[in-house]
Amino acid sequence: MARKIVWSFEAAADIEALANYISRDSAFYAAAFVQEILDVSRSLNEFSERGRVVPEFGDPNIRELFVRGYRLIYSIEEYRIVLLGLVHGKRDLKSLWENEKRK
């Protein structure tokens, strides 16, 4: 079943911040990486359960896919996929989520 892909405000801010950071060195690489993330996110409408369960949360509906060194975190709902965040794989996800009061 195809689900609608929805970007949360926080996830959109994450990808924008990452693009701005990379573009300091190369606008080309920033655009290419953002495109790669968007392509991966679009594929979730058909294959949403292919990502692993986020270990920090232990909820089977909160999953992640790795895009290079970043964790694309999303929630599976009945009719949609909500992208919750894009976090570098070396960051402490649980602390980050608590500090930013993310759901």
PDB file of N, CA and C in Angstrom:
ATOM      1  N   MET A   1       0.841  -1.185   0.000  1.00  0.00           N
ATOM      2  CA  MET A   1       0.000   0.000   0.000  1.00  0.00           C
ATOM      3  C   MET A   1       0.884   1.245   0.000  1.00  0.00           C
ATOM      4  N   ALA A   2       0.653   2.113  -0.948  1.00  0.00           N
ATOM      5  CA  ALA A   2       1.415   3.356  -1.029  1.00  0.00           C
ATOM      6  C   ALA A   2       0.916   4.332   0.030  1.00  0.00           C
ATOM      7  N   ARG A   3       1.860   4.933   0.737  1.00  0.00           N
ATOM      8  CA  ARG A   3       1.538   5.911   1.770  1.00  0.00           C
ATOM      9  C   ARG A   3       2.058   7.277   1.341  1.00  0.00           C
ATOM     10  N   LYS A   4       1.415   8.308   1.837  1.00  0.00           N
ATOM     11  CA  LYS A   4       1.846   9.675   1.573  1.00  0.00           C
ATOM     12  C   LYS A   4       3.074   9.976   2.432  1.00  0.00           C
ATOM     13  N   ILE A   5       4.040  10.689   1.870  1.00  0.00           N
ATOM     14  CA  ILE A   5       5.245  11.095   2.591  1.00  0.00           C
ATOM     15  C   ILE A   5       5.045  12.523   3.092  1.00  0.00           C
ATOM     16  N   VAL A   6       5.244  12.716   4.397  1.00  0.00           N
ATOM     17  CA  VAL A   6       5.075  14.027   5.024  1.00  0.00           C
ATOM     18  C   VAL A   6       6.358  14.366   5.774  1.00  0.00           C
ATOM     19  N   TRP A   7       6.890  15.553   5.543  1.00  0.00           N
ATOM     20  CA  TRP A   7       8.080  16.024   6.254  1.00  0.00           C
ATOM     21  C   TRP A   7       7.632  16.852   7.445  1.00  0.00           C
ATOM     22  N   SER A   8       8.079  16.466   8.650  1.00  0.00           N
ATOM     23  CA  SER A   8       7.806  17.292   9.822  1.00  0.00           C
ATOM     24  C   SER A   8       8.625  18.576   9.709  1.00  0.00           C
ATOM     25  N   PHE A   9       8.222  19.586  10.468  1.00  0.00           N
ATOM     26  CA  PHE A   9       8.969  20.841  10.490  1.00  0.00           C
ATOM     27  C   PHE A   9      10.422  20.582  10.882  1.00  0.00           C
ATOM     28  N   GLU A  10      10.628  19.730  11.898  1.00  0.00           N
ATOM     29  CA  GLU A  10      11.972  19.439  12.387  1.00  0.00           C
ATOM     30  C   GLU A  10      12.831  18.746  11.333  1.00  0.00           C
ATOM     31  N   ALA A  11      12.257  17.794  10.623  1.00  0.00           N
ATOM     32  CA  ALA A  11      13.013  17.089   9.588  1.00  0.00           C
ATOM     33  C   ALA A  11      13.381  18.026   8.444  1.00  0.00           C
ATOM     34  N   ALA A  12      12.446  18.895   8.066  1.00  0.00           N
ATOM     35  CA  ALA A  12      12.736  19.868   7.009  1.00  0.00           C
ATOM     36  C   ALA A  12      13.843  20.821   7.452  1.00  0.00           C
ATOM     37  N   ALA A  13      13.813  21.222   8.716  1.00  0.00           N
ATOM     38  CA  ALA A  13      14.864  22.098   9.245  1.00  0.00           C
ATOM     39  C   ALA A  13      16.211  21.375   9.278  1.00  0.00           C
ATOM     40  N   ASP A  14      16.182  20.082   9.612  1.00  0.00           N
ATOM     41  CA  ASP A  14      17.424  19.290   9.625  1.00  0.00           C
ATOM     42  C   ASP A  14      18.069  19.242   8.246  1.00  0.00           C
ATOM     43  N   ILE A  15      17.267  18.972   7.225  1.00  0.00           N
ATOM     44  CA  ILE A  15      17.833  18.845   5.878  1.00  0.00           C
ATOM     45  C   ILE A  15      18.303  20.209   5.366  1.00  0.00           C
ATOM     46  N   GLU A  16      17.599  21.261   5.728  1.00  0.00           N
ATOM     47  CA  GLU A  16      18.019  22.602   5.325  1.00  0.00           C
ATOM     48  C   GLU A  16      19.342  22.984   6.001  1.00  0.00           C
ATOM     49  N   ALA A  17      19.458  22.686   7.292  1.00  0.00           N
ATOM     50  CA  ALA A  17      20.703  22.989   8.012  1.00  0.00           C
ATOM     51  C   ALA A  17      21.875  22.205   7.430  1.00  0.00           C
ATOM     52  N   LEU A  18      21.642  20.942   7.099  1.00  0.00           N
ATOM     53  CA  LEU A  18      22.697  20.126   6.509  1.00  0.00           C
ATOM     54  C   LEU A  18      23.109  20.682   5.142  1.00  0.00           C
ATOM     55  N   ALA A  19      22.136  21.059   4.340  1.00  0.00           N
ATOM     56  CA  ALA A  19      22.439  21.623   3.012  1.00  0.00           C
ATOM     57  C   ALA A  19      23.242  22.921   3.155  1.00  0.00           C
ATOM     58  N   ASN A  20      22.851  23.752   4.094  1.00  0.00           N
ATOM     59  CA  ASN A  20      23.589  25.007   4.308  1.00  0.00           C
ATOM     60  C   ASN A  20      25.026  24.737   4.748  1.00  0.00           C
ATOM     61  N   TYR A  21      25.199  23.757   5.614  1.00  0.00           N
ATOM     62  CA  TYR A  21      26.535  23.404   6.103  1.00  0.00           C
ATOM     63  C   TYR A  21      27.420  22.896   4.957  1.00  0.00           C
ATOM     64  N   ILE A  22      26.897  21.964   4.165  1.00  0.00           N
ATOM     65  CA  ILE A  22      27.688  21.401   3.064  1.00  0.00           C
ATOM     66  C   ILE A  22      27.969  22.452   2.000  1.00  0.00           C
ATOM     67  N   SER A  23      27.014  23.344   1.764  1.00  0.00           N
ATOM     68  CA  SER A  23      27.172  24.334   0.692  1.00  0.00           C
ATOM     69  C   SER A  23      28.258  25.361   0.985  1.00  0.00           C
ATOM     70  N   ARG A  24      28.710  25.439   2.239  1.00  0.00           N
ATOM     71  CA  ARG A  24      29.841  26.326   2.535  1.00  0.00           C
ATOM     72  C   ARG A  24      31.072  25.903   1.751  1.00  0.00           C
ATOM     73  N   ASP A  25      31.181  24.593   1.512  1.00  0.00           N
ATOM     74  CA  ASP A  25      32.309  24.065   0.733  1.00  0.00           C
ATOM     75  C   ASP A  25      31.933  23.830  -0.720  1.00  0.00           C
ATOM     76  N   SER A  26      30.690  23.343  -0.942  1.00  0.00           N
ATOM     77  CA  SER A  26      30.310  23.005  -2.303  1.00  0.00           C
ATOM     78  C   SER A  26      28.786  22.990  -2.464  1.00  0.00           C
ATOM     79  N   ALA A  27      28.282  23.927  -3.226  1.00  0.00           N
ATOM     80  CA  ALA A  27      26.844  23.957  -3.513  1.00  0.00           C
ATOM     81  C   ALA A  27      26.438  22.715  -4.298  1.00  0.00           C
ATOM     82  N   PHE A  28      27.339  22.251  -5.171  1.00  0.00           N
ATOM     83  CA  PHE A  28      27.052  21.064  -5.968  1.00  0.00           C
ATOM     84  C   PHE A  28      26.834  19.849  -5.077  1.00  0.00           C
ATOM     85  N   TYR A  29      27.772  19.597  -4.129  1.00  0.00           N
ATOM     86  CA  TYR A  29      27.654  18.427  -3.254  1.00  0.00           C
ATOM     87  C   TYR A  29      26.474  18.554  -2.297  1.00  0.00           C
ATOM     88  N   ALA A  30      26.173  19.768  -1.890  1.00  0.00           N
ATOM     89  CA  ALA A  30      25.005  19.976  -1.025  1.00  0.00           C
ATOM     90  C   ALA A  30      23.736  19.586  -1.772  1.00  0.00           C
ATOM     91  N   ALA A  31      23.601  20.047  -2.999  1.00  0.00           N
ATOM     92  CA  ALA A  31      22.412  19.727  -3.797  1.00  0.00           C
ATOM     93  C   ALA A  31      22.339  18.233  -4.093  1.00  0.00           C
ATOM     94  N   ALA A  32      23.469  17.617  -4.383  1.00  0.00           N
ATOM     95  CA  ALA A  32      23.485  16.175  -4.684  1.00  0.00           C
ATOM     96  C   ALA A  32      23.082  15.358  -3.461  1.00  0.00           C
ATOM     97  N   PHE A  33      23.551  15.756  -2.286  1.00  0.00           N
ATOM     98  CA  PHE A  33      23.217  15.012  -1.070  1.00  0.00           C
ATOM     99  C   PHE A  33      21.746  15.197  -0.711  1.00  0.00           C
ATOM    100  N   VAL A  34      21.242  16.403  -0.848  1.00  0.00           N
ATOM    101  CA  VAL A  34      19.816  16.643  -0.592  1.00  0.00           C
ATOM    102  C   VAL A  34      18.976  15.812  -1.558  1.00  0.00           C
ATOM    103  N   GLN A  35      19.375  15.750  -2.812  1.00  0.00           N
ATOM    104  CA  GLN A  35      18.632  14.946  -3.789  1.00  0.00           C
ATOM    105  C   GLN A  35      18.643  13.472  -3.400  1.00  0.00           C
ATOM    106  N   GLU A  36      19.780  12.982  -2.919  1.00  0.00           N
ATOM    107  CA  GLU A  36      19.879  11.592  -2.478  1.00  0.00           C
ATOM    108  C   GLU A  36      18.919  11.326  -1.306  1.00  0.00           C
ATOM    109  N   ILE A  37      18.863  12.243  -0.373  1.00  0.00           N
ATOM    110  CA  ILE A  37      17.958  12.100   0.778  1.00  0.00           C
ATOM    111  C   ILE A  37      16.503  12.116   0.310  1.00  0.00           C
ATOM    112  N   LEU A  38      16.178  13.020  -0.595  1.00  0.00           N
ATOM    113  CA  LEU A  38      14.804  13.093  -1.116  1.00  0.00           C
ATOM    114  C   LEU A  38      14.431  11.819  -1.860  1.00  0.00           C
ATOM    115  N   ASP A  39      15.365  11.264  -2.630  1.00  0.00           N
ATOM    116  CA  ASP A  39      15.096  10.017  -3.353  1.00  0.00           C
ATOM    117  C   ASP A  39      14.825   8.867  -2.382  1.00  0.00           C
ATOM    118  N   VAL A  40      15.634   8.778  -1.338  1.00  0.00           N
ATOM    119  CA  VAL A  40      15.427   7.729  -0.335  1.00  0.00           C
ATOM    120  C   VAL A  40      14.071   7.924   0.344  1.00  0.00           C
ATOM    121  N   SER A  41      13.746   9.151   0.698  1.00  0.00           N
ATOM    122  CA  SER A  41      12.467   9.402   1.384  1.00  0.00           C
ATOM    123  C   SER A  41      11.276   9.051   0.494  1.00  0.00           C
ATOM    124  N   ARG A  42      11.361   9.346  -0.781  1.00  0.00           N
ATOM    125  CA  ARG A  42      10.251   9.024  -1.699  1.00  0.00           C
ATOM    126  C   ARG A  42      10.015   7.526  -1.807  1.00  0.00           C
ATOM    127  N   SER A  43      11.079   6.750  -1.686  1.00  0.00           N
ATOM    128  CA  SER A  43      10.943   5.297  -1.811  1.00  0.00           C
ATOM    129  C   SER A  43      10.184   4.691  -0.633  1.00  0.00           C
ATOM    130  N   LEU A  44      10.040   5.432   0.447  1.00  0.00           N
ATOM    131  CA  LEU A  44       9.351   4.914   1.630  1.00  0.00           C
ATOM    132  C   LEU A  44       7.850   4.753   1.419  1.00  0.00           C
ATOM    133  N   ASN A  45       7.281   5.414   0.415  1.00  0.00           N
ATOM    134  CA  ASN A  45       5.833   5.287   0.206  1.00  0.00           C
ATOM    135  C   ASN A  45       5.437   3.851  -0.128  1.00  0.00           C
ATOM    136  N   GLU A  46       6.318   3.083  -0.725  1.00  0.00           N
ATOM    137  CA  GLU A  46       6.031   1.696  -1.073  1.00  0.00           C
ATOM    138  C   GLU A  46       6.748   0.689  -0.169  1.00  0.00           C
ATOM    139  N   PHE A  47       7.919   1.064   0.329  1.00  0.00           N
ATOM    140  CA  PHE A  47       8.749   0.127   1.085  1.00  0.00           C
ATOM    141  C   PHE A  47       9.085   0.674   2.470  1.00  0.00           C
ATOM    142  N   SER A  48       8.079   1.077   3.208  1.00  0.00           N
ATOM    143  CA  SER A  48       8.291   1.767   4.478  1.00  0.00           C
ATOM    144  C   SER A  48       8.877   0.890   5.570  1.00  0.00           C
ATOM    145  N   GLU A  49       8.636  -0.393   5.537  1.00  0.00           N
ATOM    146  CA  GLU A  49       9.108  -1.248   6.617  1.00  0.00           C
ATOM    147  C   GLU A  49      10.517  -1.785   6.391  1.00  0.00           C
ATOM    148  N   ARG A  50      11.180  -1.339   5.351  1.00  0.00           N
ATOM    149  CA  ARG A  50      12.524  -1.847   5.093  1.00  0.00           C
ATOM    150  C   ARG A  50      13.561  -1.268   6.044  1.00  0.00           C
ATOM    151  N   GLY A  51      13.297  -0.119   6.629  1.00  0.00           N
ATOM    152  CA  GLY A  51      14.236   0.463   7.582  1.00  0.00           C
ATOM    153  C   GLY A  51      14.214  -0.297   8.892  1.00  0.00           C
ATOM    154  N   ARG A  52      15.291  -0.172   9.647  1.00  0.00           N
ATOM    155  CA  ARG A  52      15.339  -0.867  10.935  1.00  0.00           C
ATOM    156  C   ARG A  52      14.618  -0.045  12.004  1.00  0.00           C
ATOM    157  N   VAL A  53      14.160  -0.733  13.028  1.00  0.00           N
ATOM    158  CA  VAL A  53      13.552  -0.068  14.175  1.00  0.00           C
ATOM    159  C   VAL A  53      14.648   0.743  14.867  1.00  0.00           C
ATOM    160  N   VAL A  54      14.345   1.986  15.223  1.00  0.00           N
ATOM    161  CA  VAL A  54      15.325   2.835  15.898  1.00  0.00           C
ATOM    162  C   VAL A  54      15.587   2.251  17.289  1.00  0.00           C
ATOM    163  N   PRO A  55      16.809   1.796  17.557  1.00  0.00           N
ATOM    164  CA  PRO A  55      17.092   1.108  18.823  1.00  0.00           C
ATOM    165  C   PRO A  55      16.811   1.955  20.060  1.00  0.00           C
ATOM    166  N   GLU A  56      17.036   3.252  19.974  1.00  0.00           N
ATOM    167  CA  GLU A  56      16.829   4.126  21.132  1.00  0.00           C
ATOM    168  C   GLU A  56      15.365   4.217  21.554  1.00  0.00           C
ATOM    169  N   PHE A  57      14.454   3.959  20.622  1.00  0.00           N
ATOM    170  CA  PHE A  57      13.030   4.119  20.918  1.00  0.00           C
ATOM    171  C   PHE A  57      12.309   2.783  21.080  1.00  0.00           C
ATOM    172  N   GLY A  58      12.745   1.766  20.370  1.00  0.00           N
ATOM    173  CA  GLY A  58      12.140   0.445  20.492  1.00  0.00           C
ATOM    174  C   GLY A  58      10.696   0.355  20.031  1.00  0.00           C
ATOM    175  N   ASP A  59      10.239   1.325  19.280  1.00  0.00           N
ATOM    176  CA  ASP A  59       8.871   1.331  18.759  1.00  0.00           C
ATOM    177  C   ASP A  59       8.921   0.802  17.326  1.00  0.00           C
ATOM    178  N   PRO A  60       8.182  -0.276  17.018  1.00  0.00           N
ATOM    179  CA  PRO A  60       8.260  -0.848  15.665  1.00  0.00           C
ATOM    180  C   PRO A  60       7.763   0.091  14.566  1.00  0.00           C
ATOM    181  N   ASN A  61       7.093   1.170  14.935  1.00  0.00           N
ATOM    182  CA  ASN A  61       6.622   2.134  13.935  1.00  0.00           C
ATOM    183  C   ASN A  61       7.577   3.302  13.739  1.00  0.00           C
ATOM    184  N   ILE A  62       8.629   3.381  14.540  1.00  0.00           N
ATOM    185  CA  ILE A  62       9.649   4.419  14.364  1.00  0.00           C
ATOM    186  C   ILE A  62      10.875   3.722  13.801  1.00  0.00           C
ATOM    187  N   ARG A  63      11.209   4.054  12.567  1.00  0.00           N
ATOM    188  CA  ARG A  63      12.279   3.361  11.855  1.00  0.00           C
ATOM    189  C   ARG A  63      13.269   4.350  11.276  1.00  0.00           C
ATOM    190  N   GLU A  64      14.345   3.798  10.738  1.00  0.00           N
ATOM    191  CA  GLU A  64      15.378   4.652  10.158  1.00  0.00           C
ATOM    192  C   GLU A  64      16.052   3.966   8.975  1.00  0.00           C
ATOM    193  N   LEU A  65      16.505   4.797   8.081  1.00  0.00           N
ATOM    194  CA  LEU A  65      17.363   4.370   6.982  1.00  0.00           C
ATOM    195  C   LEU A  65      18.623   5.213   7.051  1.00  0.00           C
ATOM    196  N   PHE A  66      19.736   4.610   6.706  1.00  0.00           N
ATOM    197  CA  PHE A  66      20.987   5.354   6.690  1.00  0.00           C
ATOM    198  C   PHE A  66      21.233   5.892   5.289  1.00  0.00           C
ATOM    199  N   VAL A  67      21.575   7.167   5.233  1.00  0.00           N
ATOM    200  CA  VAL A  67      21.959   7.816   3.987  1.00  0.00           C
ATOM    201  C   VAL A  67      23.339   8.393   4.264  1.00  0.00           C
ATOM    202  N   ARG A  68      24.324   7.703   3.725  1.00  0.00           N
ATOM    203  CA  ARG A  68      25.731   7.979   4.056  1.00  0.00           C
ATOM    204  C   ARG A  68      25.869   7.891   5.573  1.00  0.00           C
ATOM    205  N   GLY A  69      26.321   8.906   6.254  1.00  0.00           N
ATOM    206  CA  GLY A  69      26.506   8.834   7.703  1.00  0.00           C
ATOM    207  C   GLY A  69      25.330   9.362   8.504  1.00  0.00           C
ATOM    208  N   TYR A  70      24.197   9.592   7.843  1.00  0.00           N
ATOM    209  CA  TYR A  70      23.040  10.204   8.506  1.00  0.00           C
ATOM    210  C   TYR A  70      21.894   9.219   8.650  1.00  0.00           C
ATOM    211  N   ARG A  71      21.152   9.391   9.728  1.00  0.00           N
ATOM    212  CA  ARG A  71      19.992   8.554  10.013  1.00  0.00           C
ATOM    213  C   ARG A  71      18.732   9.333   9.618  1.00  0.00           C
ATOM    214  N   LEU A  72      18.003   8.823   8.643  1.00  0.00           N
ATOM    215  CA  LEU A  72      16.724   9.407   8.252  1.00  0.00           C
ATOM    216  C   LEU A  72      15.655   8.670   9.061  1.00  0.00           C
ATOM    217  N   ILE A  73      15.084   9.351  10.028  1.00  0.00           N
ATOM    218  CA  ILE A  73      14.167   8.734  10.988  1.00  0.00           C
ATOM    219  C   ILE A  73      12.739   9.072  10.589  1.00  0.00           C
ATOM    220  N   TYR A  74      11.886   8.047  10.614  1.00  0.00           N
ATOM    221  CA  TYR A  74      10.507   8.247  10.175  1.00  0.00           C
ATOM    222  C   TYR A  74       9.544   7.393  10.982  1.00  0.00           C
ATOM    223  N   SER A  75       8.304   7.809  10.940  1.00  0.00           N
ATOM    224  CA  SER A  75       7.228   7.106  11.635  1.00  0.00           C
ATOM    225  C   SER A  75       6.276   6.523  10.595  1.00  0.00           C
ATOM    226  N   ILE A  76       5.902   5.284  10.803  1.00  0.00           N
ATOM    227  CA  ILE A  76       4.954   4.631   9.902  1.00  0.00           C
ATOM    228  C   ILE A  76       3.560   4.770  10.503  1.00  0.00           C
ATOM    229  N   GLU A  77       2.675   5.382   9.752  1.00  0.00           N
ATOM    230  CA  GLU A  77       1.273   5.484  10.144  1.00  0.00           C
ATOM    231  C   GLU A  77       0.447   4.751   9.101  1.00  0.00           C
ATOM    232  N   GLU A  78      -0.819   4.599   9.351  1.00  0.00           N
ATOM    233  CA  GLU A  78      -1.642   3.780   8.459  1.00  0.00           C
ATOM    234  C   GLU A  78      -1.627   4.278   7.015  1.00  0.00           C
ATOM    235  N   TYR A  79      -1.763   5.593   6.825  1.00  0.00           N
ATOM    236  CA  TYR A  79      -1.861   6.121   5.467  1.00  0.00           C
ATOM    237  C   TYR A  79      -0.722   7.050   5.075  1.00  0.00           C
ATOM    238  N   ARG A  80       0.234   7.225   5.980  1.00  0.00           N
ATOM    239  CA  ARG A  80       1.329   8.136   5.647  1.00  0.00           C
ATOM    240  C   ARG A  80       2.607   7.752   6.388  1.00  0.00           C
ATOM    241  N   ILE A  81       3.701   8.290   5.881  1.00  0.00           N
ATOM    242  CA  ILE A  81       5.015   8.181   6.494  1.00  0.00           C
ATOM    243  C   ILE A  81       5.395   9.602   6.902  1.00  0.00           C
ATOM    244  N   VAL A  82       5.720   9.776   8.167  1.00  0.00           N
ATOM    245  CA  VAL A  82       6.120  11.093   8.649  1.00  0.00           C
ATOM    246  C   VAL A  82       7.621  11.070   8.904  1.00  0.00           C
ATOM    247  N   LEU A  83       8.340  11.893   8.162  1.00  0.00           N
ATOM    248  CA  LEU A  83       9.778  12.008   8.365  1.00  0.00           C
ATOM    249  C   LEU A  83      10.000  12.889   9.589  1.00  0.00           C
ATOM    250  N   LEU A  84      10.695  12.335  10.571  1.00  0.00           N
ATOM    251  CA  LEU A  84      10.842  12.992  11.868  1.00  0.00           C
ATOM    252  C   LEU A  84      12.167  13.728  12.027  1.00  0.00           C
ATOM    253  N   GLY A  85      13.195  13.267  11.332  1.00  0.00           N
ATOM    254  CA  GLY A  85      14.476  13.929  11.487  1.00  0.00           C
ATOM    255  C   GLY A  85      15.572  13.313  10.651  1.00  0.00           C
ATOM    256  N   LEU A  86      16.614  14.081  10.493  1.00  0.00           N
ATOM    257  CA  LEU A  86      17.828  13.647   9.809  1.00  0.00           C
ATOM    258  C   LEU A  86      18.973  13.983  10.753  1.00  0.00           C
ATOM    259  N   VAL A  87      19.610  12.951  11.296  1.00  0.00           N
ATOM    260  CA  VAL A  87      20.588  13.133  12.362  1.00  0.00           C
ATOM    261  C   VAL A  87      21.875  12.403  11.994  1.00  0.00           C
ATOM    262  N   HIS A  88      22.997  13.043  12.249  1.00  0.00           N
ATOM    263  CA  HIS A  88      24.274  12.379  12.004  1.00  0.00           C
ATOM    264  C   HIS A  88      24.354  11.133  12.876  1.00  0.00           C
ATOM    265  N   GLY A  89      24.866  10.068  12.314  1.00  0.00           N
ATOM    266  CA  GLY A  89      24.912   8.784  12.993  1.00  0.00           C
ATOM    267  C   GLY A  89      25.730   8.756  14.271  1.00  0.00           C
ATOM    268  N   LYS A  90      26.632   9.692  14.464  1.00  0.00           N
ATOM    269  CA  LYS A  90      27.455   9.714  15.672  1.00  0.00           C
ATOM    270  C   LYS A  90      26.841  10.542  16.792  1.00  0.00           C
ATOM    271  N   ARG A  91      25.742  11.213  16.507  1.00  0.00           N
ATOM    272  CA  ARG A  91      25.093  12.018  17.556  1.00  0.00           C
ATOM    273  C   ARG A  91      24.296  11.124  18.490  1.00  0.00           C
ATOM    274  N   ASP A  92      24.137  11.581  19.711  1.00  0.00           N
ATOM    275  CA  ASP A  92      23.328  10.881  20.710  1.00  0.00           C
ATOM    276  C   ASP A  92      21.868  11.231  20.440  1.00  0.00           C
ATOM    277  N   LEU A  93      21.181  10.339  19.749  1.00  0.00           N
ATOM    278  CA  LEU A  93      19.819  10.613  19.296  1.00  0.00           C
ATOM    279  C   LEU A  93      18.866  10.877  20.448  1.00  0.00           C
ATOM    280  N   LYS A  94      18.898  10.052  21.456  1.00  0.00           N
ATOM    281  CA  LYS A  94      17.959  10.191  22.567  1.00  0.00           C
ATOM    282  C   LYS A  94      18.130  11.550  23.259  1.00  0.00           C
ATOM    283  N   SER A  95      19.352  11.956  23.525  1.00  0.00           N
ATOM    284  CA  SER A  95      19.603  13.261  24.152  1.00  0.00           C
ATOM    285  C   SER A  95      19.174  14.406  23.244  1.00  0.00           C
ATOM    286  N   LEU A  96      19.485  14.286  21.962  1.00  0.00           N
ATOM    287  CA  LEU A  96      19.088  15.319  21.006  1.00  0.00           C
ATOM    288  C   LEU A  96      17.580  15.485  20.983  1.00  0.00           C
ATOM    289  N   TRP A  97      16.867  14.367  20.914  1.00  0.00           N
ATOM    290  CA  TRP A  97      15.402  14.398  20.864  1.00  0.00           C
ATOM    291  C   TRP A  97      14.852  15.048  22.139  1.00  0.00           C
ATOM    292  N   GLU A  98      15.422  14.692  23.290  1.00  0.00           N
ATOM    293  CA  GLU A  98      14.955  15.253  24.564  1.00  0.00           C
ATOM    294  C   GLU A  98      15.266  16.742  24.647  1.00  0.00           C
ATOM    295  N   ASN A  99      16.484  17.135  24.267  1.00  0.00           N
ATOM    296  CA  ASN A  99      16.872  18.553  24.324  1.00  0.00           C
ATOM    297  C   ASN A  99      16.032  19.437  23.414  1.00  0.00           C
ATOM    298  N   GLU A 100      15.665  18.898  22.253  1.00  0.00           N
ATOM    299  CA  GLU A 100      14.871  19.664  21.296  1.00  0.00           C
ATOM    300  C   GLU A 100      13.373  19.438  21.476  1.00  0.00           C
ATOM    301  N   LYS A 101      13.027  18.604  22.462  1.00  0.00           N
ATOM    302  CA  LYS A 101      11.622  18.291  22.768  1.00  0.00           C
ATOM    303  C   LYS A 101      10.870  17.781  21.542  1.00  0.00           C
ATOM    304  N   ARG A 102      11.540  16.875  20.812  1.00  0.00           N
ATOM    305  CA  ARG A 102      10.899  16.251  19.650  1.00  0.00           C
ATOM    306  C   ARG A 102      10.062  15.091  20.116  1.00  0.00           C
ATOM    307  N   LYS A 103       9.081  14.740  19.319  1.00  0.00           N
ATOM    308  CA  LYS A 103       8.207  13.611  19.645  1.00  0.00           C
ATOM    309  C   LYS A 103       8.754  12.344  19.062  1.00  0.00           C
TER     310      LYS A 103
END
